[in-house]
């Protein structure tokens, strides 16, 4: 077994036509949003283009590209988890919790007493 690798990396201009469908299907199966999947594939192809000289031929070209896409997907999911929006629960009056508290953060109006046993 030789220590040098057979670099069977195709012309980057053909990556999209040769592997685009597989990359898109992989991304779409993870994010379930077509526009996000398209963006992730584009980011992966750009990253692959900038690191093509680092491809050592230990895997097939498609496997290498999917590996790059997988890292882009993980980055996307981490970023999404960090910036998850907190939505205020909707109340019947359409004000959310804004009408429940005054400017000082106190109940507005004060809740009624529950009595001795709140379960009854």
N, C-alpha and C. Protein backbone atom coordinates (compact mmCIF):
# COMPACT_ATOMS: atom_id res chain seq x y z
N UNK A 1 0.83 -1.18 0.00
CA UNK A 1 0.00 0.00 0.00
C UNK A 1 0.87 1.24 0.00
N UNK A 2 0.59 2.14 -0.85
CA UNK A 2 1.39 3.35 -1.02
C UNK A 2 0.98 4.42 -0.01
N UNK A 3 1.92 5.25 0.37
CA UNK A 3 1.60 6.33 1.31
C UNK A 3 1.05 7.56 0.60
N UNK A 4 1.14 7.58 -0.73
CA UNK A 4 0.55 8.69 -1.47
C UNK A 4 -0.86 8.29 -1.90
N UNK A 5 -1.72 9.26 -2.03
CA UNK A 5 -3.11 9.01 -2.35
C UNK A 5 -3.38 9.38 -3.80
N UNK A 6 -4.27 8.63 -4.41
CA UNK A 6 -4.70 8.94 -5.77
C UNK A 6 -5.71 10.07 -5.69
N UNK A 7 -5.32 11.25 -6.09
CA UNK A 7 -6.21 12.39 -6.01
C UNK A 7 -7.16 12.38 -7.18
N UNK A 8 -8.36 11.87 -6.93
CA UNK A 8 -9.36 11.77 -7.98
C UNK A 8 -10.38 12.89 -7.85
N UNK A 9 -9.92 14.07 -7.48
CA UNK A 9 -10.80 15.21 -7.32
C UNK A 9 -11.11 15.78 -8.70
N UNK A 10 -12.40 15.84 -9.00
CA UNK A 10 -12.83 16.35 -10.30
C UNK A 10 -12.73 17.88 -10.33
N UNK A 11 -12.96 18.41 -11.47
CA UNK A 11 -12.97 19.85 -11.65
C UNK A 11 -14.08 20.45 -10.77
N UNK A 12 -13.76 21.42 -9.93
CA UNK A 12 -14.79 22.00 -9.05
C UNK A 12 -16.02 22.52 -9.78
N UNK A 13 -15.87 22.87 -11.04
CA UNK A 13 -17.02 23.35 -11.81
C UNK A 13 -18.05 22.25 -12.04
N UNK A 14 -17.66 21.01 -11.88
CA UNK A 14 -18.60 19.90 -12.09
C UNK A 14 -19.21 19.39 -10.79
N UNK A 15 -18.78 19.90 -9.66
CA UNK A 15 -19.28 19.41 -8.38
C UNK A 15 -20.79 19.53 -8.27
N UNK A 16 -21.32 20.66 -8.65
CA UNK A 16 -22.76 20.87 -8.52
C UNK A 16 -23.54 19.91 -9.41
N UNK A 17 -23.10 19.74 -10.63
CA UNK A 17 -23.83 18.83 -11.53
C UNK A 17 -23.67 17.37 -11.12
N UNK A 18 -22.50 17.00 -10.61
CA UNK A 18 -22.27 15.60 -10.23
C UNK A 18 -22.83 15.25 -8.86
N UNK A 19 -22.77 16.19 -7.91
CA UNK A 19 -23.10 15.86 -6.53
C UNK A 19 -24.18 16.76 -5.92
N UNK A 20 -24.65 17.74 -6.67
CA UNK A 20 -25.60 18.71 -6.13
C UNK A 20 -26.87 18.09 -5.59
N UNK A 21 -27.45 17.13 -6.33
CA UNK A 21 -28.70 16.50 -5.87
C UNK A 21 -28.49 15.75 -4.56
N UNK A 22 -27.40 15.02 -4.45
CA UNK A 22 -27.12 14.26 -3.23
C UNK A 22 -26.87 15.19 -2.05
N UNK A 23 -26.12 16.27 -2.30
CA UNK A 23 -25.85 17.23 -1.23
C UNK A 23 -27.14 17.92 -0.77
N UNK A 24 -27.96 18.31 -1.73
CA UNK A 24 -29.21 18.98 -1.40
C UNK A 24 -30.14 18.04 -0.64
N UNK A 25 -30.26 16.79 -1.08
CA UNK A 25 -31.11 15.81 -0.39
C UNK A 25 -30.64 15.59 1.04
N UNK A 26 -29.33 15.52 1.23
CA UNK A 26 -28.78 15.34 2.57
C UNK A 26 -29.14 16.54 3.46
N UNK A 27 -28.92 17.74 2.95
CA UNK A 27 -29.20 18.94 3.75
C UNK A 27 -30.70 19.08 4.02
N UNK A 28 -31.52 18.84 3.01
CA UNK A 28 -32.96 18.99 3.17
C UNK A 28 -33.52 17.98 4.17
N UNK A 29 -32.95 16.79 4.21
CA UNK A 29 -33.43 15.78 5.16
C UNK A 29 -33.12 16.18 6.59
N UNK A 30 -32.16 17.08 6.78
CA UNK A 30 -31.80 17.51 8.13
C UNK A 30 -32.51 18.80 8.54
N UNK A 31 -32.64 19.76 7.64
CA UNK A 31 -33.21 21.06 8.02
C UNK A 31 -34.67 21.23 7.61
N UNK A 32 -35.13 20.46 6.65
CA UNK A 32 -36.52 20.46 6.19
C UNK A 32 -37.01 21.81 5.67
N UNK A 33 -36.10 22.66 5.28
CA UNK A 33 -36.46 23.95 4.67
C UNK A 33 -35.62 24.12 3.41
N UNK A 34 -36.26 24.12 2.25
CA UNK A 34 -35.51 24.16 0.98
C UNK A 34 -34.52 25.31 0.86
N UNK A 35 -34.91 26.51 1.29
CA UNK A 35 -34.01 27.65 1.14
C UNK A 35 -32.78 27.52 2.04
N UNK A 36 -32.95 26.94 3.21
CA UNK A 36 -31.81 26.74 4.12
C UNK A 36 -30.91 25.64 3.55
N UNK A 37 -31.51 24.59 3.02
CA UNK A 37 -30.73 23.50 2.43
C UNK A 37 -29.89 24.02 1.26
N UNK A 38 -30.48 24.86 0.43
CA UNK A 38 -29.74 25.44 -0.70
C UNK A 38 -28.55 26.27 -0.21
N UNK A 39 -28.79 27.09 0.80
CA UNK A 39 -27.71 27.92 1.34
C UNK A 39 -26.58 27.06 1.91
N UNK A 40 -26.94 25.99 2.62
CA UNK A 40 -25.93 25.11 3.20
C UNK A 40 -25.09 24.42 2.12
N UNK A 41 -25.74 24.01 1.05
CA UNK A 41 -25.00 23.38 -0.06
C UNK A 41 -24.03 24.38 -0.68
N UNK A 42 -24.50 25.61 -0.87
CA UNK A 42 -23.61 26.64 -1.42
C UNK A 42 -22.41 26.89 -0.51
N UNK A 43 -22.67 27.00 0.78
CA UNK A 43 -21.58 27.22 1.74
C UNK A 43 -20.59 26.05 1.71
N UNK A 44 -21.11 24.84 1.62
CA UNK A 44 -20.24 23.66 1.59
C UNK A 44 -19.38 23.64 0.33
N UNK A 45 -19.98 23.97 -0.80
CA UNK A 45 -19.22 23.98 -2.05
C UNK A 45 -18.14 25.06 -2.03
N UNK A 46 -18.46 26.22 -1.47
CA UNK A 46 -17.45 27.27 -1.36
C UNK A 46 -16.32 26.86 -0.43
N UNK A 47 -16.67 26.22 0.67
CA UNK A 47 -15.64 25.74 1.60
C UNK A 47 -14.78 24.67 0.95
N UNK A 48 -15.41 23.79 0.18
CA UNK A 48 -14.65 22.74 -0.52
C UNK A 48 -13.71 23.35 -1.54
N UNK A 49 -14.18 24.36 -2.23
CA UNK A 49 -13.35 25.03 -3.23
C UNK A 49 -12.12 25.66 -2.60
N UNK A 50 -12.31 26.27 -1.43
CA UNK A 50 -11.17 26.92 -0.78
C UNK A 50 -10.21 25.92 -0.14
N UNK A 51 -10.67 24.69 0.10
CA UNK A 51 -9.79 23.69 0.72
C UNK A 51 -9.53 22.49 -0.18
N UNK A 52 -9.73 22.65 -1.48
CA UNK A 52 -9.57 21.54 -2.42
C UNK A 52 -8.15 20.99 -2.42
N UNK A 53 -7.17 21.83 -2.19
CA UNK A 53 -5.79 21.34 -2.20
C UNK A 53 -5.49 20.48 -0.97
N UNK A 54 -6.37 20.51 0.03
CA UNK A 54 -6.20 19.67 1.21
C UNK A 54 -6.84 18.30 1.08
N UNK A 55 -7.56 18.06 -0.01
CA UNK A 55 -8.18 16.76 -0.24
C UNK A 55 -7.09 15.73 -0.50
N UNK A 56 -7.04 14.70 0.33
CA UNK A 56 -5.97 13.72 0.23
C UNK A 56 -6.36 12.46 -0.52
N UNK A 57 -7.59 12.35 -0.94
CA UNK A 57 -8.01 11.19 -1.71
C UNK A 57 -8.30 9.97 -0.87
N UNK A 58 -8.45 10.13 0.43
CA UNK A 58 -8.75 8.98 1.29
C UNK A 58 -10.20 8.55 1.17
N UNK A 59 -11.02 9.37 0.57
CA UNK A 59 -12.44 9.06 0.39
C UNK A 59 -12.86 9.46 -1.02
N UNK A 60 -14.05 9.08 -1.36
CA UNK A 60 -14.60 9.51 -2.64
C UNK A 60 -14.91 11.00 -2.56
N UNK A 61 -14.94 11.62 -3.69
CA UNK A 61 -15.21 13.05 -3.75
C UNK A 61 -16.55 13.40 -3.09
N UNK A 62 -17.59 12.63 -3.38
CA UNK A 62 -18.91 12.91 -2.80
C UNK A 62 -18.88 12.78 -1.28
N UNK A 63 -18.19 11.78 -0.77
CA UNK A 63 -18.08 11.58 0.67
C UNK A 63 -17.39 12.78 1.31
N UNK A 64 -16.35 13.26 0.67
CA UNK A 64 -15.63 14.43 1.15
C UNK A 64 -16.54 15.65 1.18
N UNK A 65 -17.31 15.87 0.11
CA UNK A 65 -18.21 17.02 0.04
C UNK A 65 -19.32 16.91 1.09
N UNK A 66 -19.87 15.73 1.28
CA UNK A 66 -20.91 15.55 2.29
C UNK A 66 -20.34 15.78 3.69
N UNK A 67 -19.10 15.40 3.91
CA UNK A 67 -18.46 15.67 5.19
C UNK A 67 -18.36 17.16 5.46
N UNK A 68 -18.01 17.92 4.44
CA UNK A 68 -17.95 19.38 4.58
C UNK A 68 -19.35 19.93 4.85
N UNK A 69 -20.33 19.43 4.10
CA UNK A 69 -21.71 19.86 4.29
C UNK A 69 -22.20 19.54 5.70
N UNK A 70 -21.80 18.38 6.19
CA UNK A 70 -22.19 17.98 7.54
C UNK A 70 -21.68 18.98 8.58
N UNK A 71 -20.45 19.44 8.42
CA UNK A 71 -19.90 20.44 9.33
C UNK A 71 -20.65 21.77 9.22
N UNK A 72 -21.02 22.16 8.01
CA UNK A 72 -21.80 23.39 7.81
C UNK A 72 -23.16 23.26 8.47
N UNK A 73 -23.75 22.08 8.35
CA UNK A 73 -25.05 21.81 8.96
C UNK A 73 -24.97 21.89 10.48
N UNK A 74 -23.95 21.31 11.05
CA UNK A 74 -23.76 21.37 12.51
C UNK A 74 -23.59 22.81 12.96
N UNK A 75 -22.79 23.59 12.23
CA UNK A 75 -22.62 25.00 12.57
C UNK A 75 -23.95 25.74 12.52
N UNK A 76 -24.75 25.45 11.49
CA UNK A 76 -26.06 26.09 11.34
C UNK A 76 -26.97 25.74 12.52
N UNK A 77 -27.02 24.47 12.90
CA UNK A 77 -27.89 24.04 13.98
C UNK A 77 -27.44 24.61 15.33
N UNK A 78 -26.14 24.72 15.54
CA UNK A 78 -25.64 25.32 16.77
C UNK A 78 -26.01 26.80 16.84
N UNK A 79 -25.84 27.49 15.73
CA UNK A 79 -26.18 28.91 15.69
C UNK A 79 -27.68 29.10 15.92
N UNK A 80 -28.47 28.25 15.32
CA UNK A 80 -29.92 28.33 15.48
C UNK A 80 -30.32 28.07 16.94
N UNK A 81 -29.68 27.12 17.58
CA UNK A 81 -29.99 26.80 18.98
C UNK A 81 -29.61 27.95 19.91
N UNK A 82 -28.52 28.64 19.59
CA UNK A 82 -28.08 29.76 20.43
C UNK A 82 -28.99 30.97 20.29
N UNK A 83 -29.58 31.14 19.13
CA UNK A 83 -30.39 32.34 18.88
C UNK A 83 -31.88 32.03 18.83
N UNK A 84 -32.27 30.97 19.49
CA UNK A 84 -33.69 30.60 19.50
C UNK A 84 -34.51 31.70 20.15
N UNK A 85 -35.55 32.11 19.46
CA UNK A 85 -36.40 33.17 19.98
C UNK A 85 -37.35 32.63 21.03
N UNK A 86 -37.54 33.41 22.05
CA UNK A 86 -38.50 33.05 23.08
C UNK A 86 -39.77 33.82 22.77
N UNK A 87 -40.85 33.08 22.59
CA UNK A 87 -42.11 33.73 22.29
C UNK A 87 -42.95 33.82 23.55
N UNK A 88 -43.55 34.95 23.71
CA UNK A 88 -44.40 35.18 24.86
C UNK A 88 -45.69 34.41 24.67
N UNK A 89 -46.16 33.74 25.72
CA UNK A 89 -47.41 33.00 25.56
C UNK A 89 -48.57 33.94 25.27
N UNK A 90 -49.41 33.53 24.35
CA UNK A 90 -50.55 34.35 23.98
C UNK A 90 -51.67 34.18 25.00
N UNK A 91 -52.26 35.29 25.39
CA UNK A 91 -53.40 35.26 26.28
C UNK A 91 -54.63 35.70 25.50
N UNK A 92 -55.77 35.47 26.05
CA UNK A 92 -57.02 35.77 25.35
C UNK A 92 -57.18 37.21 24.93
N UNK A 93 -56.56 38.15 25.64
CA UNK A 93 -56.74 39.56 25.31
C UNK A 93 -55.78 40.04 24.22
N UNK A 94 -54.89 39.16 23.75
CA UNK A 94 -53.96 39.52 22.69
C UNK A 94 -52.78 40.33 23.17
N UNK A 95 -52.67 40.60 24.46
CA UNK A 95 -51.57 41.40 24.99
C UNK A 95 -50.41 40.55 25.48
N UNK A 96 -50.55 39.25 25.50
CA UNK A 96 -49.51 38.40 26.06
C UNK A 96 -49.44 38.64 27.55
N UNK A 97 -48.26 38.66 28.11
CA UNK A 97 -48.12 38.89 29.55
C UNK A 97 -47.98 40.37 29.87
N UNK A 98 -47.96 41.22 28.86
CA UNK A 98 -47.73 42.64 29.10
C UNK A 98 -48.79 43.27 30.00
N UNK A 99 -50.02 42.83 29.92
CA UNK A 99 -51.07 43.42 30.73
C UNK A 99 -51.10 42.89 32.15
N UNK A 100 -50.31 41.86 32.46
CA UNK A 100 -50.34 41.26 33.78
C UNK A 100 -49.46 41.96 34.80
N UNK A 101 -48.47 42.73 34.32
CA UNK A 101 -47.51 43.35 35.23
C UNK A 101 -47.43 44.85 34.95
N UNK A 102 -47.17 45.62 36.02
CA UNK A 102 -46.99 47.06 35.84
C UNK A 102 -45.52 47.35 35.49
N UNK A 103 -45.17 48.60 35.39
CA UNK A 103 -43.81 48.98 35.00
C UNK A 103 -42.76 48.56 36.02
N UNK A 104 -43.18 48.37 37.25
CA UNK A 104 -42.25 47.97 38.30
C UNK A 104 -42.15 46.45 38.41
N UNK A 105 -42.88 45.71 37.57
CA UNK A 105 -42.81 44.26 37.57
C UNK A 105 -43.74 43.61 38.57
N UNK A 106 -44.69 44.37 39.09
CA UNK A 106 -45.64 43.83 40.06
C UNK A 106 -46.94 43.47 39.35
N UNK A 107 -47.69 42.57 39.97
CA UNK A 107 -48.95 42.13 39.38
C UNK A 107 -49.89 43.32 39.17
N UNK A 108 -50.59 43.29 38.05
CA UNK A 108 -51.51 44.35 37.72
C UNK A 108 -52.77 43.74 37.14
N UNK A 109 -53.83 43.55 37.77
CA UNK A 109 -54.08 43.71 39.20
C UNK A 109 -53.54 42.52 39.98
N UNK A 110 -53.51 42.70 41.27
CA UNK A 110 -53.00 41.66 42.16
C UNK A 110 -53.90 40.43 42.07
N UNK A 111 -53.31 39.21 41.95
CA UNK A 111 -54.13 38.00 41.87
C UNK A 111 -54.94 37.80 43.16
N UNK A 112 -56.10 37.19 43.00
CA UNK A 112 -56.95 36.92 44.16
C UNK A 112 -56.33 35.81 45.00
N UNK A 113 -56.65 35.81 46.28
CA UNK A 113 -56.14 34.77 47.19
C UNK A 113 -56.76 33.43 46.83
N UNK A 114 -56.01 32.37 46.96
CA UNK A 114 -56.49 31.03 46.62
C UNK A 114 -57.29 30.40 47.75
N UNK A 115 -57.13 30.88 48.92
CA UNK A 115 -57.78 30.25 50.06
C UNK A 115 -56.79 29.30 50.71
N UNK A 116 -57.32 28.40 51.50
CA UNK A 116 -56.44 27.49 52.24
C UNK A 116 -55.87 26.38 51.37
N UNK A 117 -56.68 25.81 50.46
CA UNK A 117 -56.23 24.69 49.64
C UNK A 117 -56.34 25.07 48.16
N UNK A 118 -55.24 25.36 47.50
CA UNK A 118 -55.29 25.78 46.11
C UNK A 118 -55.81 24.70 45.16
N UNK A 119 -55.81 23.45 45.59
CA UNK A 119 -56.27 22.36 44.73
C UNK A 119 -57.78 22.29 44.64
N UNK A 120 -58.49 22.97 45.51
CA UNK A 120 -59.96 22.90 45.51
C UNK A 120 -60.58 24.02 44.76
